[in-house]
Amino acid sequence: MVLVTGAAILITLVYTIRTGISPVPTSPRVRASLMATLPDELEGPVFELGSGWGTLAFPLARAYPQCPVEAYELSPVPWLVSLLRQLLTPCPNLTIHRQNFHRADLGQAALVVCYLYPGGMAGLRKKFESELSAGSFVVSNFFAVPGWTPAEVRRANDLYRSPVYVYRVWGGHEKADEGVEGGSPDDCGSAPGDRGGAAYGSDSYFRGS
């Protein structure tokens, strides 16, 4: 048992160095805040990029039973834990991939959820702008999409007042305004007429508003 635990820790450490982020589970309070920001209705696939231990993937699958939920996690240990959970308490619409999410095609995505790190979000911005279609949503836990203006910033009731950033893609396959800096609560509620290509929406689209 000790050897298995040690091996699991070592593998997780190796993939933390490789990916640039450790698989930290989303806390219950942050998860509640994030789930409250989600759109009430969706048509199309839901993607979680960097699904870790499945603490968001399963609630997402339950929240949108009519939508396929595609969860991507590269680190083997949290991926195996999620897979075991899927075997024990299956969600028919959830698929857990052990794959680099940069290989996922987001062209049909209705919603993308992620909890990454600043460098990862910078890399994803390019992918979002080249693949996401008009009308899709991006919800990011704690880290903003650089250069995008959020439609909403909701703060969790936790010690860090952890922010959850919500974006609505309007233009689709467009470049966001290089002069607009995302990530500030002051950006919340900007007028749609100011949109830079991929970063505005109406609060009426979101749960709990």
C-alpha atoms as a PDB file:
ATOM      1  CA  MET A   1       0.000   0.000   0.000  1.00  0.00           C
ATOM      2  CA  VAL A   2       2.850   2.358   0.877  1.00  0.00           C
ATOM      3  CA  LEU A   3       4.536   1.580  -2.448  1.00  0.00           C
ATOM      4  CA  VAL A   4       1.312   2.224  -4.360  1.00  0.00           C
ATOM      5  CA  THR A   5       0.765   5.532  -2.554  1.00  0.00           C
ATOM      6  CA  GLY A   6       4.367   6.561  -3.159  1.00  0.00           C
ATOM      7  CA  ALA A   7       4.112   5.684  -6.841  1.00  0.00           C
ATOM      8  CA  ALA A   8       0.868   7.650  -7.174  1.00  0.00           C
ATOM      9  CA  ILE A   9       2.461  10.717  -5.552  1.00  0.00           C
ATOM     10  CA  LEU A  10       5.537  10.426  -7.771  1.00  0.00           C
ATOM     11  CA  ILE A  11       3.476  10.090 -10.961  1.00  0.00           C
ATOM     12  CA  THR A  12       1.320  13.048  -9.972  1.00  0.00           C
ATOM     13  CA  LEU A  13       4.454  15.113  -9.265  1.00  0.00           C
ATOM     14  CA  VAL A  14       5.922  14.227 -12.663  1.00  0.00           C
ATOM     15  CA  TYR A  15       2.749  15.312 -14.442  1.00  0.00           C
ATOM     16  CA  THR A  16       2.545  18.464 -12.328  1.00  0.00           C
ATOM     17  CA  ILE A  17       5.968  19.450 -13.640  1.00  0.00           C
ATOM     18  CA  ARG A  18       5.010  18.409 -17.163  1.00  0.00           C
ATOM     19  CA  THR A  19       1.698  20.285 -17.304  1.00  0.00           C
ATOM     20  CA  GLY A  20       2.608  23.234 -15.087  1.00  0.00           C
ATOM     21  CA  ILE A  21      -0.243  22.720 -12.624  1.00  0.00           C
ATOM     22  CA  SER A  22      -1.114  20.251  -9.874  1.00  0.00           C
ATOM     23  CA  PRO A  23      -4.554  18.577  -9.972  1.00  0.00           C
ATOM     24  CA  VAL A  24      -6.157  20.569  -7.145  1.00  0.00           C
ATOM     25  CA  PRO A  25      -9.833  19.696  -6.554  1.00  0.00           C
ATOM     26  CA  THR A  26     -12.347  22.529  -6.644  1.00  0.00           C
ATOM     27  CA  SER A  27     -13.536  23.335  -3.128  1.00  0.00           C
ATOM     28  CA  PRO A  28     -17.250  22.959  -2.311  1.00  0.00           C
ATOM     29  CA  ARG A  29     -17.775  26.721  -1.918  1.00  0.00           C
ATOM     30  CA  VAL A  30     -16.045  27.559  -5.178  1.00  0.00           C
ATOM     31  CA  ARG A  31     -17.911  24.750  -6.916  1.00  0.00           C
ATOM     32  CA  ALA A  32     -21.215  26.176  -5.659  1.00  0.00           C
ATOM     33  CA  SER A  33     -20.249  29.635  -6.905  1.00  0.00           C
ATOM     34  CA  LEU A  34     -19.205  28.288 -10.294  1.00  0.00           C
ATOM     35  CA  MET A  35     -22.336  26.190 -10.736  1.00  0.00           C
ATOM     36  CA  ALA A  36     -24.443  29.253  -9.915  1.00  0.00           C
ATOM     37  CA  THR A  37     -22.938  31.139 -12.865  1.00  0.00           C
ATOM     38  CA  LEU A  38     -23.816  28.521 -15.470  1.00  0.00           C
ATOM     39  CA  PRO A  39     -26.435  29.204 -18.144  1.00  0.00           C
ATOM     40  CA  ASP A  40     -29.838  27.725 -17.349  1.00  0.00           C
ATOM     41  CA  GLU A  41     -30.196  26.032 -20.730  1.00  0.00           C
ATOM     42  CA  LEU A  42     -27.667  24.649 -23.172  1.00  0.00           C
ATOM     43  CA  GLU A  43     -27.738  22.856 -26.486  1.00  0.00           C
ATOM     44  CA  GLY A  44     -24.475  21.187 -27.415  1.00  0.00           C
ATOM     45  CA  PRO A  45     -21.409  19.619 -25.822  1.00  0.00           C
ATOM     46  CA  VAL A  46     -19.905  20.749 -22.525  1.00  0.00           C
ATOM     47  CA  PHE A  47     -16.114  20.569 -22.158  1.00  0.00           C
ATOM     48  CA  GLU A  48     -14.098  20.608 -18.953  1.00  0.00           C
ATOM     49  CA  LEU A  49     -10.440  21.241 -19.686  1.00  0.00           C
ATOM     50  CA  GLY A  50      -8.268  19.854 -16.913  1.00  0.00           C
ATOM     51  CA  SER A  51     -10.919  17.901 -15.036  1.00  0.00           C
ATOM     52  CA  GLY A  52      -8.619  16.626 -12.271  1.00  0.00           C
ATOM     53  CA  TRP A  53     -10.437  14.469  -9.723  1.00  0.00           C
ATOM     54  CA  GLY A  54     -13.875  14.978 -11.265  1.00  0.00           C
ATOM     55  CA  THR A  55     -15.172  17.452  -8.692  1.00  0.00           C
ATOM     56  CA  LEU A  56     -16.704  19.550 -11.483  1.00  0.00           C
ATOM     57  CA  ALA A  57     -17.184  16.992 -14.246  1.00  0.00           C
ATOM     58  CA  PHE A  58     -19.857  15.022 -12.399  1.00  0.00           C
ATOM     59  CA  PRO A  59     -21.878  18.064 -11.260  1.00  0.00           C
ATOM     60  CA  LEU A  60     -21.717  19.394 -14.832  1.00  0.00           C
ATOM     61  CA  ALA A  61     -23.020  16.096 -16.192  1.00  0.00           C
ATOM     62  CA  ARG A  62     -25.883  16.160 -13.698  1.00  0.00           C
ATOM     63  CA  ALA A  63     -26.675  19.814 -14.398  1.00  0.00           C
ATOM     64  CA  TYR A  64     -26.945  19.191 -18.151  1.00  0.00           C
ATOM     65  CA  PRO A  65     -28.198  15.616 -18.637  1.00  0.00           C
ATOM     66  CA  GLN A  66     -29.238  16.471 -22.195  1.00  0.00           C
ATOM     67  CA  CYS A  67     -25.677  17.462 -23.170  1.00  0.00           C
ATOM     68  CA  PRO A  68     -22.599  15.305 -23.727  1.00  0.00           C
ATOM     69  CA  VAL A  69     -19.946  16.303 -21.189  1.00  0.00           C
ATOM     70  CA  GLU A  70     -16.345  15.791 -22.305  1.00  0.00           C
ATOM     71  CA  ALA A  71     -13.812  15.918 -19.448  1.00  0.00           C
ATOM     72  CA  TYR A  72     -10.092  16.040 -20.256  1.00  0.00           C
ATOM     73  CA  GLU A  73      -7.328  15.187 -17.786  1.00  0.00           C
ATOM     74  CA  LEU A  74      -3.752  14.220 -18.675  1.00  0.00           C
ATOM     75  CA  SER A  75      -2.425  13.235 -15.231  1.00  0.00           C
ATOM     76  CA  PRO A  76      -2.984   9.458 -14.771  1.00  0.00           C
ATOM     77  CA  VAL A  77      -3.829   9.337 -11.054  1.00  0.00           C
ATOM     78  CA  PRO A  78      -6.728  11.840 -10.954  1.00  0.00           C
ATOM     79  CA  TRP A  79      -7.920  10.467 -14.301  1.00  0.00           C
ATOM     80  CA  LEU A  80      -8.066   6.951 -12.803  1.00  0.00           C
ATOM     81  CA  VAL A  81      -9.911   8.252  -9.736  1.00  0.00           C
ATOM     82  CA  SER A  82     -12.475   9.929 -11.996  1.00  0.00           C
ATOM     83  CA  LEU A  83     -12.785   6.792 -14.095  1.00  0.00           C
ATOM     84  CA  LEU A  84     -13.389   4.685 -10.973  1.00  0.00           C
ATOM     85  CA  ARG A  85     -16.041   7.121  -9.817  1.00  0.00           C
ATOM     86  CA  GLN A  86     -17.691   6.873 -13.218  1.00  0.00           C
ATOM     87  CA  LEU A  87     -17.762   3.097 -12.892  1.00  0.00           C
ATOM     88  CA  LEU A  88     -19.273   3.239  -9.396  1.00  0.00           C
ATOM     89  CA  THR A  89     -21.737   6.104  -9.944  1.00  0.00           C
ATOM     90  CA  PRO A  90     -22.055   6.426 -13.717  1.00  0.00           C
ATOM     91  CA  CYS A  91     -23.231   9.528 -15.526  1.00  0.00           C
ATOM     92  CA  PRO A  92     -24.341   8.318 -18.978  1.00  0.00           C
ATOM     93  CA  ASN A  93     -23.573  11.645 -20.655  1.00  0.00           C
ATOM     94  CA  LEU A  94     -20.042  11.972 -19.217  1.00  0.00           C
ATOM     95  CA  THR A  95     -16.893  10.852 -21.035  1.00  0.00           C
ATOM     96  CA  ILE A  96     -13.539  11.149 -19.268  1.00  0.00           C
ATOM     97  CA  HIS A  97     -10.573  11.435 -21.626  1.00  0.00           C
ATOM     98  CA  ARG A  98      -6.938  10.982 -20.700  1.00  0.00           C
ATOM     99  CA  GLN A  99      -5.719  13.339 -23.359  1.00  0.00           C
ATOM    100  CA  ASN A 100      -4.164  16.768 -23.821  1.00  0.00           C
ATOM    101  CA  PHE A 101      -7.145  19.091 -24.099  1.00  0.00           C
ATOM    102  CA  HIS A 102      -5.379  21.148 -26.762  1.00  0.00           C
ATOM    103  CA  ARG A 103      -6.185  18.256 -29.097  1.00  0.00           C
ATOM    104  CA  ALA A 104      -9.922  18.567 -28.410  1.00  0.00           C
ATOM    105  CA  ASP A 105     -12.042  20.206 -31.100  1.00  0.00           C
ATOM    106  CA  LEU A 106     -14.106  22.934 -29.408  1.00  0.00           C
ATOM    107  CA  GLY A 107     -15.925  23.965 -32.574  1.00  0.00           C
ATOM    108  CA  GLN A 108     -19.278  22.572 -31.389  1.00  0.00           C
ATOM    109  CA  ALA A 109     -18.859  23.464 -27.691  1.00  0.00           C
ATOM    110  CA  ALA A 110     -21.790  25.156 -25.974  1.00  0.00           C
ATOM    111  CA  LEU A 111     -19.846  25.588 -22.720  1.00  0.00           C
ATOM    112  CA  VAL A 112     -16.179  25.313 -21.740  1.00  0.00           C
ATOM    113  CA  VAL A 113     -15.188  25.135 -18.060  1.00  0.00           C
ATOM    114  CA  CYS A 114     -11.606  25.268 -16.814  1.00  0.00           C
ATOM    115  CA  TYR A 115      -9.478  25.659 -13.677  1.00  0.00           C
ATOM    116  CA  LEU A 116      -5.903  26.105 -14.816  1.00  0.00           C
ATOM    117  CA  TYR A 117      -3.165  28.734 -14.284  1.00  0.00           C
ATOM    118  CA  PRO A 118      -2.214  32.047 -15.966  1.00  0.00           C
ATOM    119  CA  GLY A 119       0.080  30.520 -18.590  1.00  0.00           C
ATOM    120  CA  GLY A 120      -2.488  27.854 -19.412  1.00  0.00           C
ATOM    121  CA  MET A 121      -5.205  30.463 -19.879  1.00  0.00           C
ATOM    122  CA  ALA A 122      -2.978  32.463 -22.222  1.00  0.00           C
ATOM    123  CA  GLY A 123      -2.504  29.373 -24.366  1.00  0.00           C
ATOM    124  CA  LEU A 124      -6.220  28.599 -24.312  1.00  0.00           C
ATOM    125  CA  ARG A 125      -7.157  32.091 -25.444  1.00  0.00           C
ATOM    126  CA  LYS A 126      -5.664  31.358 -28.873  1.00  0.00           C
ATOM    127  CA  LYS A 127      -7.540  28.070 -29.053  1.00  0.00           C
ATOM    128  CA  PHE A 128     -10.811  29.677 -27.974  1.00  0.00           C
ATOM    129  CA  GLU A 129     -10.506  32.440 -30.549  1.00  0.00           C
ATOM    130  CA  SER A 130      -9.785  30.034 -33.382  1.00  0.00           C
ATOM    131  CA  GLU A 131     -12.352  27.361 -32.507  1.00  0.00           C
ATOM    132  CA  LEU A 132     -15.284  28.572 -30.403  1.00  0.00           C
ATOM    133  CA  SER A 133     -18.513  29.481 -32.154  1.00  0.00           C
ATOM    134  CA  ALA A 134     -20.778  32.443 -31.475  1.00  0.00           C
ATOM    135  CA  GLY A 135     -23.115  31.889 -28.543  1.00  0.00           C
ATOM    136  CA  SER A 136     -20.826  29.579 -26.576  1.00  0.00           C
ATOM    137  CA  PHE A 137     -19.834  30.205 -22.948  1.00  0.00           C
ATOM    138  CA  VAL A 138     -16.472  30.025 -21.193  1.00  0.00           C
ATOM    139  CA  VAL A 139     -16.374  29.753 -17.387  1.00  0.00           C
ATOM    140  CA  SER A 140     -12.972  29.903 -15.708  1.00  0.00           C
ATOM    141  CA  ASN A 141     -12.259  29.243 -12.057  1.00  0.00           C
ATOM    142  CA  PHE A 142      -9.887  31.778 -10.451  1.00  0.00           C
ATOM    143  CA  PHE A 143      -7.895  32.716 -13.585  1.00  0.00           C
ATOM    144  CA  ALA A 144      -9.164  35.101 -16.264  1.00  0.00           C
ATOM    145  CA  VAL A 145      -8.745  34.733 -20.007  1.00  0.00           C
ATOM    146  CA  PRO A 146      -6.119  37.429 -20.741  1.00  0.00           C
ATOM    147  CA  GLY A 147      -7.380  40.134 -23.068  1.00  0.00           C
ATOM    148  CA  TRP A 148     -11.051  39.197 -22.674  1.00  0.00           C
ATOM    149  CA  THR A 149     -13.675  41.114 -20.727  1.00  0.00           C
ATOM    150  CA  PRO A 150     -15.950  38.926 -18.581  1.00  0.00           C
ATOM    151  CA  ALA A 151     -19.720  39.246 -18.703  1.00  0.00           C
ATOM    152  CA  GLU A 152     -19.752  38.398 -15.008  1.00  0.00           C
ATOM    153  CA  VAL A 153     -17.263  37.943 -12.174  1.00  0.00           C
ATOM    154  CA  ARG A 154     -18.698  36.079  -9.200  1.00  0.00           C
ATOM    155  CA  ARG A 155     -16.719  35.641  -5.994  1.00  0.00           C
ATOM    156  CA  ALA A 156     -17.021  32.547  -3.872  1.00  0.00           C
ATOM    157  CA  ASN A 157     -17.788  32.759  -0.180  1.00  0.00           C
ATOM    158  CA  ASP A 158     -14.404  31.394   0.823  1.00  0.00           C
ATOM    159  CA  LEU A 159     -11.272  32.721   2.492  1.00  0.00           C
ATOM    160  CA  TYR A 160      -9.774  33.978  -0.778  1.00  0.00           C
ATOM    161  CA  ARG A 161     -13.011  35.341  -2.282  1.00  0.00           C
ATOM    162  CA  SER A 162     -12.091  33.185  -5.261  1.00  0.00           C
ATOM    163  CA  PRO A 163     -13.291  34.697  -8.537  1.00  0.00           C
ATOM    164  CA  VAL A 164     -15.193  32.816 -11.224  1.00  0.00           C
ATOM    165  CA  TYR A 165     -15.051  34.483 -14.649  1.00  0.00           C
ATOM    166  CA  VAL A 166     -17.895  34.058 -17.120  1.00  0.00           C
ATOM    167  CA  TYR A 167     -17.528  34.900 -20.816  1.00  0.00           C
ATOM    168  CA  ARG A 168     -19.987  34.784 -23.703  1.00  0.00           C
ATOM    169  CA  VAL A 169     -18.562  34.388 -27.182  1.00  0.00           C
ATOM    170  CA  TRP A 170     -20.297  36.717 -29.599  1.00  0.00           C
ATOM    171  CA  GLY A 171     -18.241  36.913 -32.768  1.00  0.00           C
ATOM    172  CA  GLY A 172     -16.952  33.343 -32.959  1.00  0.00           C
ATOM    173  CA  HIS A 173     -13.549  32.592 -34.503  1.00  0.00           C
ATOM    174  CA  GLU A 174     -12.515  36.200 -33.929  1.00  0.00           C
ATOM    175  CA  LYS A 175      -9.674  37.916 -32.147  1.00  0.00           C
ATOM    176  CA  ALA A 176     -10.467  39.634 -28.865  1.00  0.00           C
ATOM    177  CA  ASP A 177      -9.459  43.266 -28.485  1.00  0.00           C
ATOM    178  CA  GLU A 178      -5.774  43.379 -27.582  1.00  0.00           C
ATOM    179  CA  GLY A 179      -6.400  46.556 -25.601  1.00  0.00           C
ATOM    180  CA  VAL A 180      -8.973  45.010 -23.262  1.00  0.00           C
ATOM    181  CA  GLU A 181      -7.616  43.413 -20.133  1.00  0.00           C
ATOM    182  CA  GLY A 182      -9.784  40.686 -18.632  1.00  0.00           C
ATOM    183  CA  GLY A 183      -9.716  39.583 -15.038  1.00  0.00           C
ATOM    184  CA  SER A 184     -10.989  42.572 -13.120  1.00  0.00           C
ATOM    185  CA  PRO A 185     -14.345  42.722 -11.340  1.00  0.00           C
ATOM    186  CA  ASP A 186     -14.589  46.305 -12.668  1.00  0.00           C
ATOM    187  CA  ASP A 187     -15.023  44.850 -16.157  1.00  0.00           C
ATOM    188  CA  CYS A 188     -18.299  43.249 -15.135  1.00  0.00           C
ATOM    189  CA  GLY A 189     -21.385  44.402 -16.993  1.00  0.00           C
ATOM    190  CA  SER A 190     -19.685  46.086 -19.968  1.00  0.00           C
ATOM    191  CA  ALA A 191     -22.040  46.994 -22.753  1.00  0.00           C
ATOM    192  CA  PRO A 192     -22.342  44.513 -25.637  1.00  0.00           C
ATOM    193  CA  GLY A 193     -21.617  47.343 -28.035  1.00  0.00           C
ATOM    194  CA  ASP A 194     -18.061  47.430 -26.663  1.00  0.00           C
ATOM    195  CA  ARG A 195     -17.379  43.810 -27.455  1.00  0.00           C
ATOM    196  CA  GLY A 196     -13.910  42.986 -28.716  1.00  0.00           C
ATOM    197  CA  GLY A 197     -14.818  39.735 -30.432  1.00  0.00           C
ATOM    198  CA  ALA A 198     -15.336  37.138 -27.751  1.00  0.00           C
ATOM    199  CA  ALA A 199     -16.081  38.419 -24.320  1.00  0.00           C
ATOM    200  CA  TYR A 200     -19.501  39.777 -23.416  1.00  0.00           C
ATOM    201  CA  GLY A 201     -22.941  38.599 -22.393  1.00  0.00           C
ATOM    202  CA  SER A 202     -26.110  39.397 -20.530  1.00  0.00           C
ATOM    203  CA  ASP A 203     -26.529  38.438 -16.878  1.00  0.00           C
ATOM    204  CA  SER A 204     -29.956  37.049 -17.786  1.00  0.00           C
ATOM    205  CA  TYR A 205     -28.234  34.035 -19.337  1.00  0.00           C
ATOM    206  CA  PHE A 206     -26.777  32.843 -16.048  1.00  0.00           C
ATOM    207  CA  ARG A 207     -28.028  30.724 -13.178  1.00  0.00           C
ATOM    208  CA  GLY A 208     -28.561  32.516  -9.915  1.00  0.00           C
ATOM    209  CA  SER A 209     -28.737  35.989 -11.466  1.00  0.00           C
END
